[in-house]
N, C-alpha and C. Protein backbone atom coordinates (compact mmCIF):
# COMPACT_ATOMS: atom_id res chain seq x y z
N MET A 1 0.84 -1.18 0.00
CA MET A 1 0.00 0.00 0.00
C MET A 1 0.89 1.25 0.00
N GLN A 2 0.48 2.27 -0.70
CA GLN A 2 1.23 3.51 -0.83
C GLN A 2 1.21 4.29 0.49
N PRO A 3 2.31 4.98 0.83
CA PRO A 3 2.33 5.76 2.06
C PRO A 3 1.22 6.81 2.13
N ALA A 4 0.89 7.43 1.00
CA ALA A 4 -0.17 8.43 1.00
C ALA A 4 -1.51 7.79 1.35
N ASN A 5 -1.75 6.60 0.83
CA ASN A 5 -2.99 5.89 1.15
C ASN A 5 -3.04 5.49 2.62
N LEU A 6 -1.91 5.07 3.16
CA LEU A 6 -1.85 4.72 4.57
C LEU A 6 -2.13 5.93 5.45
N TYR A 7 -1.56 7.07 5.06
CA TYR A 7 -1.80 8.29 5.83
C TYR A 7 -3.27 8.69 5.77
N ALA A 8 -3.87 8.63 4.60
CA ALA A 8 -5.28 8.97 4.45
C ALA A 8 -6.15 8.03 5.28
N GLN A 9 -5.81 6.76 5.27
CA GLN A 9 -6.56 5.78 6.05
C GLN A 9 -6.41 6.06 7.55
N TYR A 10 -5.19 6.36 7.99
CA TYR A 10 -4.94 6.69 9.39
C TYR A 10 -5.73 7.92 9.80
N LYS A 11 -5.69 8.95 8.96
CA LYS A 11 -6.38 10.20 9.26
C LYS A 11 -7.88 9.98 9.37
N ALA A 12 -8.46 9.24 8.46
CA ALA A 12 -9.90 8.95 8.50
C ALA A 12 -10.25 8.16 9.76
N GLN A 13 -9.43 7.18 10.08
CA GLN A 13 -9.70 6.36 11.26
C GLN A 13 -9.58 7.18 12.54
N SER A 14 -8.61 8.07 12.61
CA SER A 14 -8.44 8.88 13.82
C SER A 14 -9.61 9.83 14.01
N LEU A 15 -10.17 10.35 12.93
CA LEU A 15 -11.34 11.22 13.03
C LEU A 15 -12.58 10.45 13.49
N GLU A 16 -12.68 9.20 13.05
CA GLU A 16 -13.84 8.39 13.41
C GLU A 16 -13.86 8.03 14.89
N THR A 17 -12.71 8.06 15.54
CA THR A 17 -12.65 7.68 16.95
C THR A 17 -12.80 8.88 17.89
N LEU A 18 -12.92 10.08 17.36
CA LEU A 18 -13.07 11.26 18.20
C LEU A 18 -14.49 11.34 18.77
N THR A 19 -14.60 11.88 19.97
CA THR A 19 -15.91 12.15 20.54
C THR A 19 -16.47 13.41 19.89
N ASN A 20 -17.75 13.67 20.09
CA ASN A 20 -18.36 14.89 19.54
C ASN A 20 -17.66 16.14 20.07
N GLY A 21 -17.32 16.12 21.35
CA GLY A 21 -16.63 17.27 21.93
C GLY A 21 -15.26 17.49 21.32
N GLU A 22 -14.55 16.41 21.06
CA GLU A 22 -13.23 16.52 20.43
C GLU A 22 -13.34 17.03 19.00
N ILE A 23 -14.39 16.63 18.31
CA ILE A 23 -14.60 17.13 16.94
C ILE A 23 -14.85 18.63 16.96
N ILE A 24 -15.64 19.09 17.92
CA ILE A 24 -15.91 20.53 18.04
C ILE A 24 -14.61 21.29 18.29
N VAL A 25 -13.78 20.77 19.17
CA VAL A 25 -12.49 21.41 19.44
C VAL A 25 -11.64 21.45 18.17
N LYS A 26 -11.62 20.35 17.42
CA LYS A 26 -10.86 20.32 16.16
C LYS A 26 -11.39 21.37 15.18
N LEU A 27 -12.70 21.55 15.14
CA LEU A 27 -13.27 22.56 14.25
C LEU A 27 -12.82 23.96 14.67
N PHE A 28 -12.82 24.23 15.97
CA PHE A 28 -12.33 25.52 16.44
C PHE A 28 -10.85 25.70 16.11
N GLU A 29 -10.07 24.63 16.24
CA GLU A 29 -8.65 24.71 15.89
C GLU A 29 -8.47 25.06 14.42
N GLU A 30 -9.30 24.46 13.56
CA GLU A 30 -9.21 24.75 12.13
C GLU A 30 -9.61 26.20 11.84
N ALA A 31 -10.68 26.68 12.46
CA ALA A 31 -11.10 28.07 12.26
C ALA A 31 -9.99 29.02 12.72
N SER A 32 -9.40 28.72 13.86
CA SER A 32 -8.31 29.54 14.38
C SER A 32 -7.13 29.58 13.42
N LYS A 33 -6.77 28.42 12.90
CA LYS A 33 -5.66 28.32 11.94
C LYS A 33 -5.95 29.15 10.69
N GLN A 34 -7.16 29.06 10.18
CA GLN A 34 -7.51 29.79 8.96
C GLN A 34 -7.51 31.30 9.19
N ILE A 35 -8.02 31.73 10.34
CA ILE A 35 -8.04 33.17 10.63
C ILE A 35 -6.61 33.68 10.82
N SER A 36 -5.79 32.92 11.53
CA SER A 36 -4.38 33.31 11.72
C SER A 36 -3.66 33.44 10.38
N THR A 37 -3.90 32.47 9.52
CA THR A 37 -3.27 32.51 8.20
C THR A 37 -3.77 33.71 7.40
N ALA A 38 -5.05 34.01 7.51
CA ALA A 38 -5.61 35.16 6.79
C ALA A 38 -5.00 36.47 7.28
N ILE A 39 -4.76 36.57 8.58
CA ILE A 39 -4.13 37.77 9.13
C ILE A 39 -2.74 37.94 8.50
N PHE A 40 -1.98 36.87 8.50
CA PHE A 40 -0.63 36.92 7.91
C PHE A 40 -0.69 37.28 6.43
N LEU A 41 -1.56 36.59 5.69
CA LEU A 41 -1.63 36.82 4.25
C LEU A 41 -2.10 38.23 3.92
N THR A 42 -3.04 38.74 4.71
CA THR A 42 -3.50 40.11 4.49
C THR A 42 -2.35 41.10 4.70
N SER A 43 -1.56 40.87 5.74
CA SER A 43 -0.43 41.76 6.00
C SER A 43 0.63 41.67 4.90
N GLN A 44 0.65 40.56 4.17
CA GLN A 44 1.60 40.37 3.07
C GLN A 44 1.01 40.81 1.72
N GLY A 45 -0.24 41.24 1.72
CA GLY A 45 -0.87 41.69 0.49
C GLY A 45 -1.41 40.56 -0.38
N ALA A 46 -1.48 39.37 0.16
CA ALA A 46 -2.00 38.22 -0.59
C ALA A 46 -3.50 38.12 -0.34
N ASP A 47 -4.23 39.08 -0.89
CA ASP A 47 -5.64 39.24 -0.56
C ASP A 47 -6.52 38.06 -0.99
N VAL A 48 -6.26 37.49 -2.14
CA VAL A 48 -7.10 36.38 -2.62
C VAL A 48 -6.91 35.17 -1.72
N ARG A 49 -5.68 34.86 -1.37
CA ARG A 49 -5.42 33.72 -0.49
C ARG A 49 -6.01 33.97 0.90
N ALA A 50 -5.92 35.22 1.38
CA ALA A 50 -6.50 35.57 2.68
C ALA A 50 -8.02 35.39 2.64
N TYR A 51 -8.62 35.83 1.54
CA TYR A 51 -10.07 35.66 1.38
C TYR A 51 -10.45 34.19 1.44
N ASN A 52 -9.68 33.34 0.79
CA ASN A 52 -9.96 31.90 0.81
C ASN A 52 -9.88 31.34 2.23
N CYS A 53 -8.93 31.81 3.00
CA CYS A 53 -8.80 31.36 4.39
C CYS A 53 -10.00 31.80 5.22
N ILE A 54 -10.42 33.03 5.05
CA ILE A 54 -11.59 33.52 5.79
C ILE A 54 -12.83 32.76 5.37
N SER A 55 -12.94 32.46 4.10
CA SER A 55 -14.07 31.68 3.60
C SER A 55 -14.10 30.30 4.27
N LYS A 56 -12.95 29.68 4.41
CA LYS A 56 -12.87 28.38 5.09
C LYS A 56 -13.27 28.51 6.55
N ALA A 57 -12.80 29.56 7.20
CA ALA A 57 -13.16 29.79 8.61
C ALA A 57 -14.67 30.00 8.75
N GLN A 58 -15.26 30.73 7.80
CA GLN A 58 -16.71 30.93 7.83
C GLN A 58 -17.45 29.60 7.66
N LYS A 59 -16.95 28.72 6.81
CA LYS A 59 -17.58 27.41 6.63
C LYS A 59 -17.52 26.61 7.93
N VAL A 60 -16.40 26.69 8.63
CA VAL A 60 -16.26 25.98 9.91
C VAL A 60 -17.27 26.54 10.91
N VAL A 61 -17.37 27.85 11.00
CA VAL A 61 -18.31 28.48 11.94
C VAL A 61 -19.74 28.10 11.58
N SER A 62 -20.06 28.05 10.30
CA SER A 62 -21.40 27.62 9.87
C SER A 62 -21.65 26.17 10.27
N THR A 63 -20.65 25.32 10.13
CA THR A 63 -20.77 23.92 10.53
C THR A 63 -21.04 23.81 12.03
N LEU A 64 -20.31 24.59 12.81
CA LEU A 64 -20.53 24.61 14.26
C LEU A 64 -21.96 25.05 14.57
N ASN A 65 -22.42 26.06 13.86
CA ASN A 65 -23.78 26.57 14.08
C ASN A 65 -24.82 25.51 13.74
N LEU A 66 -24.62 24.82 12.64
CA LEU A 66 -25.58 23.80 12.22
C LEU A 66 -25.58 22.57 13.14
N SER A 67 -24.51 22.39 13.88
CA SER A 67 -24.40 21.22 14.77
C SER A 67 -25.10 21.43 16.11
N LEU A 68 -25.56 22.64 16.37
CA LEU A 68 -26.18 22.93 17.66
C LEU A 68 -27.50 22.19 17.84
N ASP A 69 -27.72 21.71 19.06
CA ASP A 69 -29.00 21.12 19.44
C ASP A 69 -29.82 22.23 20.07
N MET A 70 -30.78 22.74 19.32
CA MET A 70 -31.53 23.93 19.74
C MET A 70 -32.50 23.66 20.88
N SER A 71 -32.54 22.44 21.40
CA SER A 71 -33.41 22.17 22.54
C SER A 71 -32.78 22.67 23.85
N TYR A 72 -31.52 23.09 23.78
CA TYR A 72 -30.84 23.65 24.95
C TYR A 72 -30.79 25.17 24.82
N GLY A 73 -31.05 25.86 25.93
CA GLY A 73 -31.07 27.32 25.93
C GLY A 73 -29.76 27.94 25.49
N ILE A 74 -28.65 27.34 25.86
CA ILE A 74 -27.33 27.87 25.51
C ILE A 74 -27.10 27.86 24.00
N SER A 75 -27.78 26.96 23.31
CA SER A 75 -27.59 26.84 21.86
C SER A 75 -28.06 28.09 21.14
N VAL A 76 -29.10 28.74 21.65
CA VAL A 76 -29.58 29.98 21.02
C VAL A 76 -28.51 31.06 21.13
N SER A 77 -27.91 31.17 22.31
CA SER A 77 -26.84 32.16 22.50
C SER A 77 -25.63 31.84 21.63
N LEU A 78 -25.27 30.56 21.57
CA LEU A 78 -24.13 30.17 20.74
C LEU A 78 -24.42 30.43 19.27
N SER A 79 -25.65 30.17 18.84
CA SER A 79 -26.01 30.42 17.44
C SER A 79 -25.86 31.90 17.10
N ASP A 80 -26.31 32.75 18.02
CA ASP A 80 -26.16 34.19 17.80
C ASP A 80 -24.69 34.58 17.73
N LEU A 81 -23.87 33.98 18.58
CA LEU A 81 -22.44 34.27 18.59
C LEU A 81 -21.79 33.79 17.30
N TYR A 82 -22.13 32.58 16.86
CA TYR A 82 -21.58 32.06 15.61
C TYR A 82 -22.00 32.93 14.42
N ASP A 83 -23.26 33.37 14.41
CA ASP A 83 -23.72 34.27 13.34
C ASP A 83 -22.91 35.57 13.34
N PHE A 84 -22.67 36.09 14.53
CA PHE A 84 -21.89 37.32 14.66
C PHE A 84 -20.48 37.12 14.11
N ILE A 85 -19.82 36.04 14.53
CA ILE A 85 -18.45 35.78 14.07
C ILE A 85 -18.42 35.62 12.56
N HIS A 86 -19.37 34.88 12.01
CA HIS A 86 -19.44 34.67 10.56
C HIS A 86 -19.57 36.00 9.82
N THR A 87 -20.48 36.83 10.28
CA THR A 87 -20.72 38.13 9.64
C THR A 87 -19.50 39.04 9.75
N GLU A 88 -18.91 39.09 10.93
CA GLU A 88 -17.76 39.96 11.15
C GLU A 88 -16.53 39.48 10.38
N LEU A 89 -16.39 38.18 10.20
CA LEU A 89 -15.30 37.69 9.35
C LEU A 89 -15.44 38.23 7.93
N GLY A 90 -16.67 38.24 7.44
CA GLY A 90 -16.92 38.79 6.10
C GLY A 90 -16.56 40.26 6.02
N LYS A 91 -16.93 41.01 7.06
CA LYS A 91 -16.59 42.44 7.10
C LYS A 91 -15.07 42.64 7.17
N ALA A 92 -14.43 41.81 7.98
CA ALA A 92 -12.98 41.95 8.18
C ALA A 92 -12.21 41.72 6.89
N ILE A 93 -12.60 40.70 6.14
CA ILE A 93 -11.84 40.41 4.91
C ILE A 93 -12.16 41.43 3.82
N THR A 94 -13.40 41.90 3.79
CA THR A 94 -13.78 42.90 2.79
C THR A 94 -13.00 44.20 3.00
N SER A 95 -12.84 44.58 4.27
CA SER A 95 -12.14 45.82 4.58
C SER A 95 -10.64 45.61 4.84
N LYS A 96 -10.20 44.34 4.78
CA LYS A 96 -8.80 43.99 5.05
C LYS A 96 -8.37 44.48 6.44
N ASP A 97 -9.27 44.34 7.40
CA ASP A 97 -9.09 44.82 8.76
C ASP A 97 -8.47 43.73 9.63
N THR A 98 -7.14 43.74 9.72
CA THR A 98 -6.48 42.70 10.52
C THR A 98 -6.76 42.86 12.00
N GLY A 99 -7.06 44.07 12.45
CA GLY A 99 -7.42 44.28 13.85
C GLY A 99 -8.70 43.53 14.21
N LEU A 100 -9.69 43.63 13.34
CA LEU A 100 -10.94 42.90 13.54
C LEU A 100 -10.70 41.40 13.46
N MET A 101 -9.86 40.98 12.52
CA MET A 101 -9.54 39.56 12.41
C MET A 101 -8.90 39.05 13.70
N LYS A 102 -8.02 39.85 14.28
CA LYS A 102 -7.36 39.46 15.54
C LYS A 102 -8.38 39.36 16.67
N THR A 103 -9.33 40.28 16.70
CA THR A 103 -10.38 40.22 17.73
C THR A 103 -11.21 38.96 17.57
N LEU A 104 -11.58 38.63 16.35
CA LEU A 104 -12.37 37.43 16.08
C LEU A 104 -11.56 36.17 16.38
N LEU A 105 -10.27 36.20 16.07
CA LEU A 105 -9.39 35.08 16.39
C LEU A 105 -9.38 34.85 17.90
N SER A 106 -9.31 35.92 18.66
CA SER A 106 -9.32 35.81 20.12
C SER A 106 -10.63 35.17 20.61
N MET A 107 -11.74 35.55 20.01
CA MET A 107 -13.04 34.98 20.39
C MET A 107 -13.07 33.48 20.07
N VAL A 108 -12.61 33.12 18.89
CA VAL A 108 -12.59 31.71 18.49
C VAL A 108 -11.67 30.91 19.41
N ASP A 109 -10.53 31.48 19.76
CA ASP A 109 -9.60 30.78 20.64
C ASP A 109 -10.19 30.61 22.05
N GLU A 110 -10.92 31.61 22.53
CA GLU A 110 -11.59 31.48 23.83
C GLU A 110 -12.64 30.38 23.80
N LEU A 111 -13.40 30.33 22.73
CA LEU A 111 -14.40 29.28 22.58
C LEU A 111 -13.74 27.90 22.52
N LYS A 112 -12.62 27.82 21.83
CA LYS A 112 -11.88 26.56 21.72
C LYS A 112 -11.45 26.08 23.11
N VAL A 113 -10.90 26.97 23.90
CA VAL A 113 -10.44 26.62 25.25
C VAL A 113 -11.63 26.18 26.11
N THR A 114 -12.73 26.90 26.00
CA THR A 114 -13.93 26.57 26.78
C THR A 114 -14.46 25.20 26.41
N PHE A 115 -14.56 24.92 25.13
CA PHE A 115 -15.06 23.61 24.70
C PHE A 115 -14.08 22.49 25.04
N ARG A 116 -12.81 22.78 25.01
CA ARG A 116 -11.80 21.78 25.40
C ARG A 116 -11.98 21.42 26.88
N GLN A 117 -12.18 22.44 27.71
CA GLN A 117 -12.39 22.20 29.14
C GLN A 117 -13.69 21.43 29.38
N ALA A 118 -14.74 21.78 28.66
CA ALA A 118 -16.02 21.08 28.80
C ALA A 118 -15.87 19.61 28.38
N GLU A 119 -15.12 19.36 27.33
CA GLU A 119 -14.89 17.99 26.87
C GLU A 119 -14.15 17.19 27.94
N ARG A 120 -13.15 17.79 28.54
CA ARG A 120 -12.41 17.10 29.61
C ARG A 120 -13.31 16.78 30.79
N LEU A 121 -14.15 17.73 31.16
CA LEU A 121 -15.07 17.51 32.28
C LEU A 121 -16.09 16.42 31.94
N ALA A 122 -16.57 16.43 30.70
CA ALA A 122 -17.54 15.43 30.27
C ALA A 122 -16.91 14.03 30.29
N ARG A 123 -15.68 13.93 29.83
CA ARG A 123 -14.99 12.64 29.85
C ARG A 123 -14.73 12.15 31.27
N ALA A 124 -14.50 13.10 32.17
CA ALA A 124 -14.24 12.72 33.56
C ALA A 124 -15.54 12.44 34.32
N GLY A 125 -16.68 12.65 33.66
CA GLY A 125 -17.97 12.38 34.28
C GLY A 125 -18.41 13.47 35.25
N LYS A 126 -17.80 14.64 35.14
CA LYS A 126 -18.14 15.75 36.05
C LYS A 126 -19.07 16.75 35.41
N PHE A 127 -19.53 16.45 34.22
CA PHE A 127 -20.33 17.44 33.49
C PHE A 127 -21.48 16.77 32.82
C-alpha cells in the first residue's frame, strides 16, 4: 500500500474515533488556523489567499452553528455568537481589517479553550 494511502486511512480512522466534543475542538482549531493565516496573508498583500482562508473559517463556523442542538437554551446564544463571528469575518476580509480579524481570532480561541475544558469535564464524568 502507498504511504499516501496509509496516511489517508490513518487520518480517516483517527477522526472516526473522536468524541463529539473533540470534533468541536478540532473545528475551532481549524477556524483559528484559517483566521491566523488570513491575518498573515492580508499583511503580506496576498488578498485572494486571505479571502480563501476567511471563507474556510466561515464554513467551519457555519458547521458549528448547524451542529447545535436547539433544545438547549445555551444553543440559542451560541447560534447568535456564531452568526456574529461569521458576519464579522466577512466584514474583516472585505475591509482587510487585521485588527478585527485578531479580535475574532481571540473569540474563536476562547471558545476553543472553553469547549476543550467542557470535553475534559464530560470525559471525567463531572459534566
